Amino acid sequence: MDAVHAKTPGLMCHECTSKVESAVRGLPGVVSVTAGLSRGATSVLFDEKLVAKETIVAAITAAGFDVEAM
């Protein structure tokens, strides 16, 4: 298992966090995902044999949010 903690600016409401969580949760190998308003970050626990960090970043971006740092 691996984890990534990404700054995701633009998380302004619970709808935003739900959108990010849904986009990432649907990826194969993702065990858990939490997008936090107060932290402005998204944390993902995943199996690196099934999904790459770049794929997770792409899913967050496709949901309409930037990823500043991991």
PDB file of N, CA and C in Angstrom:
ATOM      1  N   MET A   1       0.842  -1.177   0.000  1.00  0.00           N
ATOM      2  CA  MET A   1       0.000   0.000   0.000  1.00  0.00           C
ATOM      3  C   MET A   1       0.888   1.240   0.000  1.00  0.00           C
ATOM      4  N   ASP A   2       0.361   2.269  -0.620  1.00  0.00           N
ATOM      5  CA  ASP A   2       1.030   3.555  -0.671  1.00  0.00           C
ATOM      6  C   ASP A   2      -0.018   4.623  -0.359  1.00  0.00           C
ATOM      7  N   ALA A   3       0.443   5.809  -0.021  1.00  0.00           N
ATOM      8  CA  ALA A   3      -0.469   6.914   0.271  1.00  0.00           C
ATOM      9  C   ALA A   3       0.041   8.166  -0.418  1.00  0.00           C
ATOM     10  N   VAL A   4      -0.891   9.014  -0.797  1.00  0.00           N
ATOM     11  CA  VAL A   4      -0.546  10.314  -1.366  1.00  0.00           C
ATOM     12  C   VAL A   4      -1.418  11.362  -0.678  1.00  0.00           C
ATOM     13  N   HIS A   5      -0.800  12.493  -0.371  1.00  0.00           N
ATOM     14  CA  HIS A   5      -1.501  13.618   0.230  1.00  0.00           C
ATOM     15  C   HIS A   5      -1.263  14.797  -0.702  1.00  0.00           C
ATOM     16  N   ALA A   6      -2.307  15.238  -1.374  1.00  0.00           N
ATOM     17  CA  ALA A   6      -2.180  16.267  -2.405  1.00  0.00           C
ATOM     18  C   ALA A   6      -2.924  17.533  -2.014  1.00  0.00           C
ATOM     19  N   LYS A   7      -2.265  18.687  -2.164  1.00  0.00           N
ATOM     20  CA  LYS A   7      -2.948  19.969  -1.978  1.00  0.00           C
ATOM     21  C   LYS A   7      -3.912  20.129  -3.141  1.00  0.00           C
ATOM     22  N   THR A   8      -5.163  20.347  -2.821  1.00  0.00           N
ATOM     23  CA  THR A   8      -6.195  20.513  -3.846  1.00  0.00           C
ATOM     24  C   THR A   8      -6.968  21.800  -3.577  1.00  0.00           C
ATOM     25  N   PRO A   9      -6.406  22.929  -4.023  1.00  0.00           N
ATOM     26  CA  PRO A   9      -7.100  24.197  -3.812  1.00  0.00           C
ATOM     27  C   PRO A   9      -8.414  24.212  -4.594  1.00  0.00           C
ATOM     28  N   GLY A  10      -9.340  24.961  -4.112  1.00  0.00           N
ATOM     29  CA  GLY A  10     -10.622  25.057  -4.801  1.00  0.00           C
ATOM     30  C   GLY A  10     -11.709  24.235  -4.137  1.00  0.00           C
ATOM     31  N   LEU A  11     -11.361  23.495  -3.104  1.00  0.00           N
ATOM     32  CA  LEU A  11     -12.379  22.749  -2.363  1.00  0.00           C
ATOM     33  C   LEU A  11     -13.126  23.754  -1.488  1.00  0.00           C
ATOM     34  N   MET A  12     -14.320  24.147  -1.936  1.00  0.00           N
ATOM     35  CA  MET A  12     -15.054  25.211  -1.258  1.00  0.00           C
ATOM     36  C   MET A  12     -16.294  24.737  -0.499  1.00  0.00           C
ATOM     37  N   CYS A  13     -16.741  23.507  -0.806  1.00  0.00           N
ATOM     38  CA  CYS A  13     -17.967  23.040  -0.160  1.00  0.00           C
ATOM     39  C   CYS A  13     -17.964  21.508  -0.152  1.00  0.00           C
ATOM     40  N   HIS A  14     -18.967  20.953   0.503  1.00  0.00           N
ATOM     41  CA  HIS A  14     -19.054  19.492   0.586  1.00  0.00           C
ATOM     42  C   HIS A  14     -19.327  18.860  -0.770  1.00  0.00           C
ATOM     43  N   GLU A  15     -19.978  19.583  -1.655  1.00  0.00           N
ATOM     44  CA  GLU A  15     -20.193  19.078  -3.015  1.00  0.00           C
ATOM     45  C   GLU A  15     -18.843  18.918  -3.735  1.00  0.00           C
ATOM     46  N   CYS A  16     -17.936  19.859  -3.509  1.00  0.00           N
ATOM     47  CA  CYS A  16     -16.595  19.779  -4.113  1.00  0.00           C
ATOM     48  C   CYS A  16     -15.845  18.551  -3.600  1.00  0.00           C
ATOM     49  N   THR A  17     -15.876  18.355  -2.289  1.00  0.00           N
ATOM     50  CA  THR A  17     -15.151  17.210  -1.733  1.00  0.00           C
ATOM     51  C   THR A  17     -15.768  15.904  -2.222  1.00  0.00           C
ATOM     52  N   SER A  18     -17.087  15.856  -2.313  1.00  0.00           N
ATOM     53  CA  SER A  18     -17.754  14.645  -2.808  1.00  0.00           C
ATOM     54  C   SER A  18     -17.374  14.356  -4.251  1.00  0.00           C
ATOM     55  N   LYS A  19     -17.262  15.402  -5.052  1.00  0.00           N
ATOM     56  CA  LYS A  19     -16.899  15.241  -6.463  1.00  0.00           C
ATOM     57  C   LYS A  19     -15.492  14.641  -6.595  1.00  0.00           C
ATOM     58  N   VAL A  20     -14.549  15.167  -5.818  1.00  0.00           N
ATOM     59  CA  VAL A  20     -13.173  14.645  -5.845  1.00  0.00           C
ATOM     60  C   VAL A  20     -13.146  13.211  -5.334  1.00  0.00           C
ATOM     61  N   GLU A  21     -13.792  12.965  -4.215  1.00  0.00           N
ATOM     62  CA  GLU A  21     -13.792  11.617  -3.630  1.00  0.00           C
ATOM     63  C   GLU A  21     -14.407  10.598  -4.584  1.00  0.00           C
ATOM     64  N   SER A  22     -15.499  10.941  -5.244  1.00  0.00           N
ATOM     65  CA  SER A  22     -16.141  10.024  -6.188  1.00  0.00           C
ATOM     66  C   SER A  22     -15.240   9.724  -7.382  1.00  0.00           C
ATOM     67  N   ALA A  23     -14.566  10.745  -7.881  1.00  0.00           N
ATOM     68  CA  ALA A  23     -13.685  10.563  -9.040  1.00  0.00           C
ATOM     69  C   ALA A  23     -12.529   9.631  -8.717  1.00  0.00           C
ATOM     70  N   VAL A  24     -11.958   9.768  -7.538  1.00  0.00           N
ATOM     71  CA  VAL A  24     -10.794   8.961  -7.162  1.00  0.00           C
ATOM     72  C   VAL A  24     -11.220   7.580  -6.679  1.00  0.00           C
ATOM     73  N   ARG A  25     -12.305   7.516  -5.929  1.00  0.00           N
ATOM     74  CA  ARG A  25     -12.774   6.240  -5.375  1.00  0.00           C
ATOM     75  C   ARG A  25     -13.057   5.210  -6.475  1.00  0.00           C
ATOM     76  N   GLY A  26     -13.432   5.674  -7.658  1.00  0.00           N
ATOM     77  CA  GLY A  26     -13.753   4.774  -8.760  1.00  0.00           C
ATOM     78  C   GLY A  26     -12.550   4.134  -9.434  1.00  0.00           C
ATOM     79  N   LEU A  27     -11.351   4.563  -9.065  1.00  0.00           N
ATOM     80  CA  LEU A  27     -10.148   3.989  -9.691  1.00  0.00           C
ATOM     81  C   LEU A  27      -9.824   2.633  -9.086  1.00  0.00           C
ATOM     82  N   PRO A  28      -9.387   1.684  -9.916  1.00  0.00           N
ATOM     83  CA  PRO A  28      -8.998   0.383  -9.368  1.00  0.00           C
ATOM     84  C   PRO A  28      -7.783   0.548  -8.462  1.00  0.00           C
ATOM     85  N   GLY A  29      -7.789  -0.133  -7.331  1.00  0.00           N
ATOM     86  CA  GLY A  29      -6.663  -0.093  -6.419  1.00  0.00           C
ATOM     87  C   GLY A  29      -6.766   0.962  -5.332  1.00  0.00           C
ATOM     88  N   VAL A  30      -7.756   1.849  -5.414  1.00  0.00           N
ATOM     89  CA  VAL A  30      -7.930   2.865  -4.378  1.00  0.00           C
ATOM     90  C   VAL A  30      -8.668   2.237  -3.201  1.00  0.00           C
ATOM     91  N   VAL A  31      -8.047   2.317  -2.031  1.00  0.00           N
ATOM     92  CA  VAL A  31      -8.619   1.737  -0.821  1.00  0.00           C
ATOM     93  C   VAL A  31      -9.473   2.761  -0.086  1.00  0.00           C
ATOM     94  N   SER A  32      -8.972   3.997   0.023  1.00  0.00           N
ATOM     95  CA  SER A  32      -9.740   5.057   0.668  1.00  0.00           C
ATOM     96  C   SER A  32      -9.308   6.409   0.123  1.00  0.00           C
ATOM     97  N   VAL A  33     -10.221   7.356   0.188  1.00  0.00           N
ATOM     98  CA  VAL A  33      -9.941   8.728  -0.249  1.00  0.00           C
ATOM     99  C   VAL A  33     -10.725   9.684   0.628  1.00  0.00           C
ATOM    100  N   THR A  34     -10.052  10.761   1.055  1.00  0.00           N
ATOM    101  CA  THR A  34     -10.685  11.793   1.863  1.00  0.00           C
ATOM    102  C   THR A  34     -10.247  13.152   1.352  1.00  0.00           C
ATOM    103  N   ALA A  35     -11.195  13.948   0.919  1.00  0.00           N
ATOM    104  CA  ALA A  35     -10.917  15.321   0.520  1.00  0.00           C
ATOM    105  C   ALA A  35     -11.390  16.213   1.665  1.00  0.00           C
ATOM    106  N   GLY A  36     -10.501  17.059   2.154  1.00  0.00           N
ATOM    107  CA  GLY A  36     -10.826  17.872   3.317  1.00  0.00           C
ATOM    108  C   GLY A  36     -10.901  19.354   3.028  1.00  0.00           C
ATOM    109  N   LEU A  37     -12.022  19.947   3.392  1.00  0.00           N
ATOM    110  CA  LEU A  37     -12.209  21.387   3.214  1.00  0.00           C
ATOM    111  C   LEU A  37     -11.216  22.190   4.050  1.00  0.00           C
ATOM    112  N   SER A  38     -11.099  21.861   5.318  1.00  0.00           N
ATOM    113  CA  SER A  38     -10.267  22.647   6.222  1.00  0.00           C
ATOM    114  C   SER A  38      -8.790  22.588   5.844  1.00  0.00           C
ATOM    115  N   ARG A  39      -8.348  21.464   5.318  1.00  0.00           N
ATOM    116  CA  ARG A  39      -6.944  21.304   4.936  1.00  0.00           C
ATOM    117  C   ARG A  39      -6.695  21.699   3.487  1.00  0.00           C
ATOM    118  N   GLY A  40      -7.746  21.736   2.683  1.00  0.00           N
ATOM    119  CA  GLY A  40      -7.568  22.008   1.264  1.00  0.00           C
ATOM    120  C   GLY A  40      -6.696  20.948   0.619  1.00  0.00           C
ATOM    121  N   ALA A  41      -6.888  19.702   1.055  1.00  0.00           N
ATOM    122  CA  ALA A  41      -6.049  18.607   0.581  1.00  0.00           C
ATOM    123  C   ALA A  41      -6.869  17.336   0.425  1.00  0.00           C
ATOM    124  N   THR A  42      -6.317  16.433  -0.369  1.00  0.00           N
ATOM    125  CA  THR A  42      -6.929  15.132  -0.581  1.00  0.00           C
ATOM    126  C   THR A  42      -5.921  14.060  -0.216  1.00  0.00           C
ATOM    127  N   SER A  43      -6.344  13.096   0.583  1.00  0.00           N
ATOM    128  CA  SER A  43      -5.487  11.980   0.983  1.00  0.00           C
ATOM    129  C   SER A  43      -6.047  10.700   0.377  1.00  0.00           C
ATOM    130  N   VAL A  44      -5.140   9.910  -0.215  1.00  0.00           N
ATOM    131  CA  VAL A  44      -5.556   8.677  -0.883  1.00  0.00           C
ATOM    132  C   VAL A  44      -4.654   7.538  -0.447  1.00  0.00           C
ATOM    133  N   LEU A  45      -5.253   6.430  -0.025  1.00  0.00           N
ATOM    134  CA  LEU A  45      -4.543   5.193   0.261  1.00  0.00           C
ATOM    135  C   LEU A  45      -4.836   4.265  -0.903  1.00  0.00           C
ATOM    136  N   PHE A  46      -3.778   3.721  -1.529  1.00  0.00           N
ATOM    137  CA  PHE A  46      -3.982   2.938  -2.738  1.00  0.00           C
ATOM    138  C   PHE A  46      -2.925   1.851  -2.893  1.00  0.00           C
ATOM    139  N   ASP A  47      -3.229   0.883  -3.754  1.00  0.00           N
ATOM    140  CA  ASP A  47      -2.305  -0.189  -4.099  1.00  0.00           C
ATOM    141  C   ASP A  47      -1.534   0.252  -5.335  1.00  0.00           C
ATOM    142  N   GLU A  48      -0.244   0.539  -5.149  1.00  0.00           N
ATOM    143  CA  GLU A  48       0.585   1.056  -6.241  1.00  0.00           C
ATOM    144  C   GLU A  48       0.778   0.057  -7.385  1.00  0.00           C
ATOM    145  N   LYS A  49       0.409  -1.190  -7.170  1.00  0.00           N
ATOM    146  CA  LYS A  49       0.480  -2.193  -8.243  1.00  0.00           C
ATOM    147  C   LYS A  49      -0.716  -2.075  -9.187  1.00  0.00           C
ATOM    148  N   LEU A  50      -1.772  -1.405  -8.724  1.00  0.00           N
ATOM    149  CA  LEU A  50      -2.996  -1.312  -9.515  1.00  0.00           C
ATOM    150  C   LEU A  50      -3.277   0.076 -10.076  1.00  0.00           C
ATOM    151  N   VAL A  51      -2.718   1.105  -9.449  1.00  0.00           N
ATOM    152  CA  VAL A  51      -2.961   2.477  -9.909  1.00  0.00           C
ATOM    153  C   VAL A  51      -1.737   3.335  -9.597  1.00  0.00           C
ATOM    154  N   ALA A  52      -1.390   4.217 -10.521  1.00  0.00           N
ATOM    155  CA  ALA A  52      -0.241   5.111 -10.358  1.00  0.00           C
ATOM    156  C   ALA A  52      -0.691   6.445  -9.765  1.00  0.00           C
ATOM    157  N   LYS A  53       0.239   7.120  -9.086  1.00  0.00           N
ATOM    158  CA  LYS A  53      -0.058   8.444  -8.530  1.00  0.00           C
ATOM    159  C   LYS A  53      -0.520   9.393  -9.623  1.00  0.00           C
ATOM    160  N   GLU A  54       0.073   9.288 -10.800  1.00  0.00           N
ATOM    161  CA  GLU A  54      -0.289  10.155 -11.920  1.00  0.00           C
ATOM    162  C   GLU A  54      -1.752   9.966 -12.326  1.00  0.00           C
ATOM    163  N   THR A  55      -2.245   8.754 -12.215  1.00  0.00           N
ATOM    164  CA  THR A  55      -3.642   8.466 -12.534  1.00  0.00           C
ATOM    165  C   THR A  55      -4.569   9.110 -11.510  1.00  0.00           C
ATOM    166  N   ILE A  56      -4.155   9.104 -10.266  1.00  0.00           N
ATOM    167  CA  ILE A  56      -4.939   9.743  -9.208  1.00  0.00           C
ATOM    168  C   ILE A  56      -5.001  11.254  -9.443  1.00  0.00           C
ATOM    169  N   VAL A  57      -3.857  11.843  -9.765  1.00  0.00           N
ATOM    170  CA  VAL A  57      -3.807  13.278 -10.058  1.00  0.00           C
ATOM    171  C   VAL A  57      -4.693  13.604 -11.258  1.00  0.00           C
ATOM    172  N   ALA A  58      -4.638  12.770 -12.281  1.00  0.00           N
ATOM    173  CA  ALA A  58      -5.457  12.986 -13.474  1.00  0.00           C
ATOM    174  C   ALA A  58      -6.947  12.931 -13.138  1.00  0.00           C
ATOM    175  N   ALA A  59      -7.345  12.047 -12.239  1.00  0.00           N
ATOM    176  CA  ALA A  59      -8.754  11.935 -11.846  1.00  0.00           C
ATOM    177  C   ALA A  59      -9.210  13.190 -11.098  1.00  0.00           C
ATOM    178  N   ILE A  60      -8.346  13.720 -10.227  1.00  0.00           N
ATOM    179  CA  ILE A  60      -8.684  14.945  -9.494  1.00  0.00           C
ATOM    180  C   ILE A  60      -8.812  16.107 -10.479  1.00  0.00           C
ATOM    181  N   THR A  61      -7.884  16.184 -11.417  1.00  0.00           N
ATOM    182  CA  THR A  61      -7.907  17.240 -12.427  1.00  0.00           C
ATOM    183  C   THR A  61      -9.153  17.125 -13.302  1.00  0.00           C
ATOM    184  N   ALA A  62      -9.504  15.910 -13.695  1.00  0.00           N
ATOM    185  CA  ALA A  62     -10.695  15.692 -14.523  1.00  0.00           C
ATOM    186  C   ALA A  62     -11.975  16.080 -13.781  1.00  0.00           C
ATOM    187  N   ALA A  63     -11.930  16.013 -12.450  1.00  0.00           N
ATOM    188  CA  ALA A  63     -13.086  16.413 -11.645  1.00  0.00           C
ATOM    189  C   ALA A  63     -13.190  17.937 -11.539  1.00  0.00           C
ATOM    190  N   GLY A  64     -12.179  18.643 -12.072  1.00  0.00           N
ATOM    191  CA  GLY A  64     -12.239  20.098 -12.112  1.00  0.00           C
ATOM    192  C   GLY A  64     -11.401  20.817 -11.071  1.00  0.00           C
ATOM    193  N   PHE A  65     -10.448  20.113 -10.470  1.00  0.00           N
ATOM    194  CA  PHE A  65      -9.636  20.713  -9.409  1.00  0.00           C
ATOM    195  C   PHE A  65      -8.148  20.587  -9.730  1.00  0.00           C
ATOM    196  N   ASP A  66      -7.395  21.598  -9.308  1.00  0.00           N
ATOM    197  CA  ASP A  66      -5.949  21.574  -9.488  1.00  0.00           C
ATOM    198  C   ASP A  66      -5.299  20.752  -8.384  1.00  0.00           C
ATOM    199  N   VAL A  67      -4.123  20.241  -8.669  1.00  0.00           N
ATOM    200  CA  VAL A  67      -3.303  19.559  -7.691  1.00  0.00           C
ATOM    201  C   VAL A  67      -1.981  20.318  -7.651  1.00  0.00           C
ATOM    202  N   GLU A  68      -1.671  20.946  -6.512  1.00  0.00           N
ATOM    203  CA  GLU A  68      -0.470  21.771  -6.417  1.00  0.00           C
ATOM    204  C   GLU A  68       0.758  20.999  -5.953  1.00  0.00           C
ATOM    205  N   ALA A  69       0.602  20.115  -5.004  1.00  0.00           N
ATOM    206  CA  ALA A  69       1.766  19.403  -4.466  1.00  0.00           C
ATOM    207  C   ALA A  69       1.331  18.050  -3.923  1.00  0.00           C
ATOM    208  N   MET A  70       2.270  17.135  -3.948  1.00  0.00           N
ATOM    209  CA  MET A  70       1.995  15.796  -3.434  1.00  0.00           C
ATOM    210  C   MET A  70       3.022  15.448  -2.380  1.00  0.00           C
TER     211      MET A  70
END
